[in-house]
Amino acid sequence: MELWSRLWAEGNRAAGLELAKHLEHNERDISAAEEITRSLLASAGGDEKSSIEHRLERLRRKLEKKQTVVVKKALALRPAPCPTT
């Protein structure tokens, strides 16, 4: 990961893509993977752009799902309202 990070910082797009994949699948850091993927998309063209857009959509879906789970867990932990009778 250090090598990919260093190469990405130097502008290596292939390293950025591999770093994003590693963050997504191994580190489970979807937000960081999305950030790198957005950067890649900003300067992508042709077939690469289509592939990166597809990756970004998948990351967004994962983030939305993760946020939904967090909200559901928070609601489950919330104390029940006191009955008013």
C-alpha atoms as a PDB file:
ATOM      1  CA  MET A   1       0.000   0.000   0.000  1.00  0.00           C
ATOM      2  CA  GLU A   2       2.881   2.382   0.724  1.00  0.00           C
ATOM      3  CA  LEU A   3       4.223   1.982  -2.796  1.00  0.00           C
ATOM      4  CA  TRP A   4       0.820   2.639  -4.367  1.00  0.00           C
ATOM      5  CA  SER A   5       0.346   5.673  -2.127  1.00  0.00           C
ATOM      6  CA  ARG A   6       3.728   7.097  -3.081  1.00  0.00           C
ATOM      7  CA  LEU A   7       3.238   6.444  -6.795  1.00  0.00           C
ATOM      8  CA  TRP A   8      -0.274   7.904  -6.661  1.00  0.00           C
ATOM      9  CA  ALA A   9       1.100  11.029  -4.972  1.00  0.00           C
ATOM     10  CA  GLU A  10       3.543  11.308  -7.884  1.00  0.00           C
ATOM     11  CA  GLY A  11       0.647  11.178 -10.372  1.00  0.00           C
ATOM     12  CA  ASN A  12       0.656   7.510 -11.384  1.00  0.00           C
ATOM     13  CA  ARG A  13      -2.957   6.769 -12.367  1.00  0.00           C
ATOM     14  CA  ALA A  14      -2.540   2.975 -12.374  1.00  0.00           C
ATOM     15  CA  ALA A  15      -1.235   3.143  -8.813  1.00  0.00           C
ATOM     16  CA  GLY A  16      -4.217   5.298  -7.854  1.00  0.00           C
ATOM     17  CA  LEU A  17      -6.612   2.703  -9.214  1.00  0.00           C
ATOM     18  CA  GLU A  18      -4.850  -0.118  -7.376  1.00  0.00           C
ATOM     19  CA  LEU A  19      -4.777   1.938  -4.188  1.00  0.00           C
ATOM     20  CA  ALA A  20      -8.520   2.600  -4.464  1.00  0.00           C
ATOM     21  CA  LYS A  21      -9.172  -1.116  -4.969  1.00  0.00           C
ATOM     22  CA  HIS A  22      -7.019  -1.974  -1.956  1.00  0.00           C
ATOM     23  CA  LEU A  23      -8.768   0.594   0.223  1.00  0.00           C
ATOM     24  CA  GLU A  24     -12.164  -0.685  -0.845  1.00  0.00           C
ATOM     25  CA  HIS A  25     -11.574  -4.414  -0.547  1.00  0.00           C
ATOM     26  CA  ASN A  26      -8.865  -4.805   2.090  1.00  0.00           C
ATOM     27  CA  GLU A  27      -9.038  -1.748   4.322  1.00  0.00           C
ATOM     28  CA  ARG A  28     -12.818  -1.333   3.911  1.00  0.00           C
ATOM     29  CA  ASP A  29     -12.253   2.425   3.660  1.00  0.00           C
ATOM     30  CA  ILE A  30     -14.936   3.162   1.102  1.00  0.00           C
ATOM     31  CA  SER A  31     -14.736   6.935   1.592  1.00  0.00           C
ATOM     32  CA  ALA A  32     -11.013   7.048   0.806  1.00  0.00           C
ATOM     33  CA  ALA A  33     -11.513   4.759  -2.191  1.00  0.00           C
ATOM     34  CA  GLU A  34     -14.280   7.046  -3.447  1.00  0.00           C
ATOM     35  CA  GLU A  35     -12.071  10.120  -3.068  1.00  0.00           C
ATOM     36  CA  ILE A  36      -9.294   8.591  -5.164  1.00  0.00           C
ATOM     37  CA  THR A  37     -11.788   7.328  -7.727  1.00  0.00           C
ATOM     38  CA  ARG A  38     -13.278  10.824  -8.067  1.00  0.00           C
ATOM     39  CA  SER A  39      -9.785  12.198  -8.694  1.00  0.00           C
ATOM     40  CA  LEU A  40      -9.182   9.558 -11.343  1.00  0.00           C
ATOM     41  CA  LEU A  41     -12.502  10.344 -13.003  1.00  0.00           C
ATOM     42  CA  ALA A  42     -11.726  14.059 -13.223  1.00  0.00           C
ATOM     43  CA  SER A  43      -8.974  13.418 -15.749  1.00  0.00           C
ATOM     44  CA  ALA A  44     -10.204  10.195 -17.373  1.00  0.00           C
ATOM     45  CA  GLY A  45     -11.204   9.786 -20.972  1.00  0.00           C
ATOM     46  CA  GLY A  46     -12.790   7.214 -23.266  1.00  0.00           C
ATOM     47  CA  ASP A  47     -13.106   3.651 -22.053  1.00  0.00           C
ATOM     48  CA  GLU A  48     -11.266   4.468 -18.849  1.00  0.00           C
ATOM     49  CA  LYS A  49     -13.895   7.056 -17.953  1.00  0.00           C
ATOM     50  CA  SER A  50     -16.711   4.543 -18.360  1.00  0.00           C
ATOM     51  CA  SER A  51     -14.905   2.006 -16.191  1.00  0.00           C
ATOM     52  CA  ILE A  52     -14.175   4.556 -13.468  1.00  0.00           C
ATOM     53  CA  GLU A  53     -17.772   5.850 -13.510  1.00  0.00           C
ATOM     54  CA  HIS A  54     -18.963   2.279 -12.976  1.00  0.00           C
ATOM     55  CA  ARG A  55     -16.526   1.861 -10.054  1.00  0.00           C
ATOM     56  CA  LEU A  56     -17.653   5.167  -8.540  1.00  0.00           C
ATOM     57  CA  GLU A  57     -21.326   4.187  -8.714  1.00  0.00           C
ATOM     58  CA  ARG A  58     -20.571   0.930  -6.923  1.00  0.00           C
ATOM     59  CA  LEU A  59     -18.665   2.801  -4.216  1.00  0.00           C
ATOM     60  CA  ARG A  60     -21.571   5.207  -3.784  1.00  0.00           C
ATOM     61  CA  ARG A  61     -23.991   2.316  -3.355  1.00  0.00           C
ATOM     62  CA  LYS A  62     -21.701   0.782  -0.733  1.00  0.00           C
ATOM     63  CA  LEU A  63     -21.498   4.101   1.122  1.00  0.00           C
ATOM     64  CA  GLU A  64     -25.279   4.502   1.059  1.00  0.00           C
ATOM     65  CA  LYS A  65     -25.728   0.958   2.360  1.00  0.00           C
ATOM     66  CA  LYS A  66     -23.159   1.560   5.097  1.00  0.00           C
ATOM     67  CA  GLN A  67     -24.892   4.778   6.157  1.00  0.00           C
ATOM     68  CA  THR A  68     -28.262   3.021   6.241  1.00  0.00           C
ATOM     69  CA  VAL A  69     -26.863   0.306   8.512  1.00  0.00           C
ATOM     70  CA  VAL A  70     -25.384   2.931  10.858  1.00  0.00           C
ATOM     71  CA  VAL A  71     -28.721   4.751  11.089  1.00  0.00           C
ATOM     72  CA  LYS A  72     -30.616   1.518  11.727  1.00  0.00           C
ATOM     73  CA  LYS A  73     -28.188   0.553  14.479  1.00  0.00           C
ATOM     74  CA  ALA A  74     -28.504   4.000  16.065  1.00  0.00           C
ATOM     75  CA  LEU A  75     -32.294   3.768  15.987  1.00  0.00           C
ATOM     76  CA  ALA A  76     -32.192   0.303  17.532  1.00  0.00           C
ATOM     77  CA  LEU A  77     -30.061   1.611  20.411  1.00  0.00           C
ATOM     78  CA  ARG A  78     -32.310   4.593  21.064  1.00  0.00           C
ATOM     79  CA  PRO A  79     -34.457   4.191  24.159  1.00  0.00           C
ATOM     80  CA  ALA A  80     -38.154   3.674  23.604  1.00  0.00           C
ATOM     81  CA  PRO A  81     -40.337   6.740  24.221  1.00  0.00           C
ATOM     82  CA  CYS A  82     -42.123   6.912  27.546  1.00  0.00           C
ATOM     83  CA  PRO A  83     -45.831   6.239  27.254  1.00  0.00           C
ATOM     84  CA  THR A  84     -48.066   9.157  28.121  1.00  0.00           C
ATOM     85  CA  THR A  85     -51.270   8.016  29.809  1.00  0.00           C
END
